[in-house]
């Protein structure tokens, strides 16, 4: 969450890119049964034929917290700030005085509930509460599906299809 807060405050994409790399690397470390460990090894020097059998617990908790506290899509309708953290593909279709239209495609084989956090550039200068994620609306995008979403100038999200 700290990298996301720094990205919001500075607008520096290096922080968003690093956070995105961490989120996606964590997803790749999950083994059958949902476990992961702190030693990400893809060779068989430690555990022949598997990724290791060490279970620490804090890694799973970290994954849960990232899924809750980092929005799938972050957008500032009044600026050019736009970043996708989730495993979906999203693009700004158009911007006008009424808001921003987003095209969201889920290329994975799993349904997704994508949290969208929209705020103005001015709002991004204020710290988030620790439970801000509770207010982020979610858009269901089924596997292989594309949805069009409008984020109004009032930061209210309207689903078109």
C-alpha atoms as a PDB file:
ATOM      1  CA  UNK A   1       0.000   0.000   0.000  1.00  0.00           C
ATOM      2  CA  UNK A   2       2.904   2.345   0.681  1.00  0.00           C
ATOM      3  CA  UNK A   3       4.084   2.293  -2.946  1.00  0.00           C
ATOM      4  CA  UNK A   4       0.540   3.086  -4.068  1.00  0.00           C
ATOM      5  CA  UNK A   5       0.369   6.017  -1.650  1.00  0.00           C
ATOM      6  CA  UNK A   6       3.683   7.359  -2.947  1.00  0.00           C
ATOM      7  CA  UNK A   7       2.495   6.969  -6.552  1.00  0.00           C
ATOM      8  CA  UNK A   8      -0.722   8.885  -5.766  1.00  0.00           C
ATOM      9  CA  UNK A   9       1.146  11.698  -4.046  1.00  0.00           C
ATOM     10  CA  UNK A  10       3.868  12.091  -6.672  1.00  0.00           C
ATOM     11  CA  UNK A  11       2.332  10.811  -9.895  1.00  0.00           C
ATOM     12  CA  UNK A  12       5.698   9.128 -10.557  1.00  0.00           C
ATOM     13  CA  UNK A  13       5.043   6.023 -12.674  1.00  0.00           C
ATOM     14  CA  UNK A  14       8.184   4.297 -11.369  1.00  0.00           C
ATOM     15  CA  UNK A  15       6.346   3.568  -8.103  1.00  0.00           C
ATOM     16  CA  UNK A  16       3.270   2.235  -9.918  1.00  0.00           C
ATOM     17  CA  UNK A  17       5.446   0.056 -12.174  1.00  0.00           C
ATOM     18  CA  UNK A  18       7.338  -1.393  -9.204  1.00  0.00           C
ATOM     19  CA  UNK A  19       4.099  -2.125  -7.351  1.00  0.00           C
ATOM     20  CA  UNK A  20       2.644  -3.735 -10.475  1.00  0.00           C
ATOM     21  CA  UNK A  21       5.722  -5.972 -10.783  1.00  0.00           C
ATOM     22  CA  UNK A  22       5.356  -7.023  -7.133  1.00  0.00           C
ATOM     23  CA  UNK A  23       1.647  -7.807  -7.524  1.00  0.00           C
ATOM     24  CA  UNK A  24       2.188  -9.912 -10.642  1.00  0.00           C
ATOM     25  CA  UNK A  25       5.257 -11.715  -9.234  1.00  0.00           C
ATOM     26  CA  UNK A  26       3.259 -12.644  -6.143  1.00  0.00           C
ATOM     27  CA  UNK A  27       0.542 -14.127  -8.327  1.00  0.00           C
ATOM     28  CA  UNK A  28       3.090 -16.275 -10.138  1.00  0.00           C
ATOM     29  CA  UNK A  29       4.476 -17.621  -6.871  1.00  0.00           C
ATOM     30  CA  UNK A  30       1.189 -19.199  -5.745  1.00  0.00           C
ATOM     31  CA  UNK A  31       1.291 -22.986  -5.675  1.00  0.00           C
ATOM     32  CA  UNK A  32      -1.598 -25.440  -5.798  1.00  0.00           C
ATOM     33  CA  UNK A  33      -3.581 -25.064  -2.587  1.00  0.00           C
ATOM     34  CA  UNK A  34      -3.034 -21.298  -2.537  1.00  0.00           C
ATOM     35  CA  UNK A  35       0.260 -21.290  -0.678  1.00  0.00           C
ATOM     36  CA  UNK A  36       3.371 -19.328  -1.503  1.00  0.00           C
ATOM     37  CA  UNK A  37       6.648 -18.749   0.238  1.00  0.00           C
ATOM     38  CA  UNK A  38       9.343 -16.128   0.547  1.00  0.00           C
ATOM     39  CA  UNK A  39      11.822 -18.109  -1.506  1.00  0.00           C
ATOM     40  CA  UNK A  40      10.852 -17.813  -5.155  1.00  0.00           C
ATOM     41  CA  UNK A  41      13.060 -20.342  -6.862  1.00  0.00           C
ATOM     42  CA  UNK A  42      12.307 -21.793 -10.252  1.00  0.00           C
ATOM     43  CA  UNK A  43      15.217 -24.196 -10.258  1.00  0.00           C
ATOM     44  CA  UNK A  44      15.282 -27.563  -8.558  1.00  0.00           C
ATOM     45  CA  UNK A  45      18.370 -26.937  -6.411  1.00  0.00           C
ATOM     46  CA  UNK A  46      16.269 -26.847  -3.217  1.00  0.00           C
ATOM     47  CA  UNK A  47      13.209 -28.894  -4.075  1.00  0.00           C
ATOM     48  CA  UNK A  48      13.407 -31.155  -7.068  1.00  0.00           C
ATOM     49  CA  UNK A  49      10.342 -30.741  -9.275  1.00  0.00           C
ATOM     50  CA  UNK A  50       8.575 -28.024  -7.255  1.00  0.00           C
ATOM     51  CA  UNK A  51       8.909 -24.421  -6.153  1.00  0.00           C
ATOM     52  CA  UNK A  52       9.715 -25.209  -2.550  1.00  0.00           C
ATOM     53  CA  UNK A  53       7.579 -26.388   0.317  1.00  0.00           C
ATOM     54  CA  UNK A  54       8.222 -23.630   2.839  1.00  0.00           C
ATOM     55  CA  UNK A  55       5.022 -22.024   4.113  1.00  0.00           C
ATOM     56  CA  UNK A  56       5.339 -18.889   6.204  1.00  0.00           C
ATOM     57  CA  UNK A  57       1.820 -17.404   6.266  1.00  0.00           C
ATOM     58  CA  UNK A  58       2.901 -13.789   5.933  1.00  0.00           C
ATOM     59  CA  UNK A  59       3.214 -14.189   2.167  1.00  0.00           C
ATOM     60  CA  UNK A  60      -0.401 -15.286   1.829  1.00  0.00           C
ATOM     61  CA  UNK A  61      -1.500 -12.412   4.067  1.00  0.00           C
ATOM     62  CA  UNK A  62       0.500  -9.986   1.945  1.00  0.00           C
ATOM     63  CA  UNK A  63      -1.307 -11.273  -1.162  1.00  0.00           C
ATOM     64  CA  UNK A  64      -4.709 -10.828   0.481  1.00  0.00           C
ATOM     65  CA  UNK A  65      -3.849  -7.273   1.509  1.00  0.00           C
ATOM     66  CA  UNK A  66      -2.612  -6.366  -1.968  1.00  0.00           C
ATOM     67  CA  UNK A  67      -5.851  -7.692  -3.454  1.00  0.00           C
ATOM     68  CA  UNK A  68      -7.866  -5.535  -1.039  1.00  0.00           C
ATOM     69  CA  UNK A  69      -5.815  -2.355  -0.759  1.00  0.00           C
ATOM     70  CA  UNK A  70      -4.594  -1.821  -4.319  1.00  0.00           C
ATOM     71  CA  UNK A  71      -7.237  -0.884  -6.887  1.00  0.00           C
ATOM     72  CA  UNK A  72      -7.423  -2.872 -10.092  1.00  0.00           C
ATOM     73  CA  UNK A  73      -7.624   0.406 -11.993  1.00  0.00           C
ATOM     74  CA  UNK A  74      -6.561   3.855 -10.801  1.00  0.00           C
ATOM     75  CA  UNK A  75      -7.748   6.949 -12.639  1.00  0.00           C
ATOM     76  CA  UNK A  76      -7.721  10.692 -12.257  1.00  0.00           C
ATOM     77  CA  UNK A  77     -10.403  11.895 -14.705  1.00  0.00           C
ATOM     78  CA  UNK A  78      -9.093  15.483 -14.640  1.00  0.00           C
ATOM     79  CA  UNK A  79      -5.496  14.542 -15.476  1.00  0.00           C
ATOM     80  CA  UNK A  80      -3.623  11.955 -17.508  1.00  0.00           C
ATOM     81  CA  UNK A  81      -2.991   9.662 -14.500  1.00  0.00           C
ATOM     82  CA  UNK A  82      -4.237   6.171 -15.361  1.00  0.00           C
ATOM     83  CA  UNK A  83      -2.784   2.826 -14.288  1.00  0.00           C
ATOM     84  CA  UNK A  84      -3.986  -0.780 -14.389  1.00  0.00           C
ATOM     85  CA  UNK A  85      -2.766  -2.993 -11.545  1.00  0.00           C
ATOM     86  CA  UNK A  86      -5.132  -5.912 -12.143  1.00  0.00           C
ATOM     87  CA  UNK A  87      -4.701  -8.718 -14.677  1.00  0.00           C
ATOM     88  CA  UNK A  88      -7.187  -7.046 -17.017  1.00  0.00           C
ATOM     89  CA  UNK A  89      -6.451  -4.840 -20.019  1.00  0.00           C
ATOM     90  CA  UNK A  90      -7.952  -1.365 -19.818  1.00  0.00           C
ATOM     91  CA  UNK A  91      -7.717   1.694 -21.971  1.00  0.00           C
ATOM     92  CA  UNK A  92      -9.181   5.162 -22.025  1.00  0.00           C
ATOM     93  CA  UNK A  93     -11.601   5.247 -24.957  1.00  0.00           C
ATOM     94  CA  UNK A  94     -12.365   8.955 -24.681  1.00  0.00           C
ATOM     95  CA  UNK A  95     -12.270  11.892 -22.292  1.00  0.00           C
ATOM     96  CA  UNK A  96     -14.656  14.806 -22.276  1.00  0.00           C
ATOM     97  CA  UNK A  97     -16.172  17.302 -19.839  1.00  0.00           C
ATOM     98  CA  UNK A  98     -18.532  14.585 -18.540  1.00  0.00           C
ATOM     99  CA  UNK A  99     -15.769  12.162 -17.606  1.00  0.00           C
ATOM    100  CA  UNK A 100     -13.806   9.237 -19.009  1.00  0.00           C
ATOM    101  CA  UNK A 101     -14.922   6.103 -20.835  1.00  0.00           C
ATOM    102  CA  UNK A 102     -12.849   3.002 -20.111  1.00  0.00           C
ATOM    103  CA  UNK A 103     -12.796  -0.200 -22.118  1.00  0.00           C
ATOM    104  CA  UNK A 104     -11.942  -3.114 -19.809  1.00  0.00           C
ATOM    105  CA  UNK A 105     -11.122  -6.552 -21.225  1.00  0.00           C
ATOM    106  CA  UNK A 106     -10.456  -9.668 -19.184  1.00  0.00           C
ATOM    107  CA  UNK A 107      -8.054 -11.853 -21.204  1.00  0.00           C
ATOM    108  CA  UNK A 108      -7.750 -14.448 -18.424  1.00  0.00           C
ATOM    109  CA  UNK A 109      -9.726 -17.644 -17.941  1.00  0.00           C
ATOM    110  CA  UNK A 110     -11.060 -16.378 -14.598  1.00  0.00           C
ATOM    111  CA  UNK A 111     -13.882 -13.933 -13.853  1.00  0.00           C
ATOM    112  CA  UNK A 112     -12.672 -10.693 -12.284  1.00  0.00           C
ATOM    113  CA  UNK A 113     -14.164  -8.166  -9.888  1.00  0.00           C
ATOM    114  CA  UNK A 114     -12.090  -5.105 -10.716  1.00  0.00           C
ATOM    115  CA  UNK A 115     -11.967  -2.317  -8.122  1.00  0.00           C
ATOM    116  CA  UNK A 116     -11.834   1.117  -9.746  1.00  0.00           C
ATOM    117  CA  UNK A 117     -10.496   4.025  -7.751  1.00  0.00           C
ATOM    118  CA  UNK A 118     -11.169   7.395  -9.368  1.00  0.00           C
ATOM    119  CA  UNK A 119     -10.256  10.709  -7.811  1.00  0.00           C
ATOM    120  CA  UNK A 120      -9.225  14.187  -8.870  1.00  0.00           C
ATOM    121  CA  UNK A 121      -5.601  15.320  -8.924  1.00  0.00           C
ATOM    122  CA  UNK A 122      -6.392  17.546  -5.934  1.00  0.00           C
ATOM    123  CA  UNK A 123      -7.877  14.639  -3.961  1.00  0.00           C
ATOM    124  CA  UNK A 124      -4.740  12.580  -4.682  1.00  0.00           C
ATOM    125  CA  UNK A 125      -2.693  15.046  -2.623  1.00  0.00           C
ATOM    126  CA  UNK A 126      -4.604  14.050   0.531  1.00  0.00           C
ATOM    127  CA  UNK A 127      -3.716  10.819   2.365  1.00  0.00           C
ATOM    128  CA  UNK A 128      -6.069   7.864   2.003  1.00  0.00           C
ATOM    129  CA  UNK A 129      -7.750   6.358   5.007  1.00  0.00           C
ATOM    130  CA  UNK A 130      -6.636   2.839   5.867  1.00  0.00           C
ATOM    131  CA  UNK A 131     -10.011   1.473   4.769  1.00  0.00           C
ATOM    132  CA  UNK A 132     -10.545   3.604   1.639  1.00  0.00           C
ATOM    133  CA  UNK A 133     -10.780   0.420  -0.461  1.00  0.00           C
ATOM    134  CA  UNK A 134     -14.186  -0.327   1.092  1.00  0.00           C
ATOM    135  CA  UNK A 135     -15.688   2.479  -0.996  1.00  0.00           C
ATOM    136  CA  UNK A 136     -14.153   1.565  -4.354  1.00  0.00           C
ATOM    137  CA  UNK A 137     -16.811   0.246  -6.722  1.00  0.00           C
ATOM    138  CA  UNK A 138     -16.143  -3.041  -8.460  1.00  0.00           C
ATOM    139  CA  UNK A 139     -16.931  -3.989 -12.013  1.00  0.00           C
ATOM    140  CA  UNK A 140     -17.485  -7.653 -12.824  1.00  0.00           C
ATOM    141  CA  UNK A 141     -15.703  -8.643 -16.017  1.00  0.00           C
ATOM    142  CA  UNK A 142     -16.162 -12.288 -16.903  1.00  0.00           C
ATOM    143  CA  UNK A 143     -13.395 -14.334 -18.497  1.00  0.00           C
ATOM    144  CA  UNK A 144     -12.874 -13.162 -22.086  1.00  0.00           C
ATOM    145  CA  UNK A 145     -15.413 -10.358 -21.722  1.00  0.00           C
ATOM    146  CA  UNK A 146     -15.079  -6.642 -22.535  1.00  0.00           C
ATOM    147  CA  UNK A 147     -17.004  -3.966 -20.622  1.00  0.00           C
ATOM    148  CA  UNK A 148     -17.349  -0.237 -21.171  1.00  0.00           C
ATOM    149  CA  UNK A 149     -17.401   1.860 -17.996  1.00  0.00           C
ATOM    150  CA  UNK A 150     -17.890   5.602 -17.625  1.00  0.00           C
ATOM    151  CA  UNK A 151     -16.159   7.419 -14.809  1.00  0.00           C
ATOM    152  CA  UNK A 152     -18.022  10.704 -14.471  1.00  0.00           C
ATOM    153  CA  UNK A 153     -16.456  14.044 -13.699  1.00  0.00           C
ATOM    154  CA  UNK A 154     -17.955  13.520 -10.223  1.00  0.00           C
ATOM    155  CA  UNK A 155     -15.896  10.276  -9.989  1.00  0.00           C
ATOM    156  CA  UNK A 156     -19.072   8.178  -9.965  1.00  0.00           C
ATOM    157  CA  UNK A 157     -18.740   5.019 -12.061  1.00  0.00           C
ATOM    158  CA  UNK A 158     -21.472   4.001 -14.483  1.00  0.00           C
ATOM    159  CA  UNK A 159     -21.391   0.638 -16.222  1.00  0.00           C
ATOM    160  CA  UNK A 160     -22.571   0.812 -19.827  1.00  0.00           C
ATOM    161  CA  UNK A 161     -22.713  -2.885 -20.710  1.00  0.00           C
END
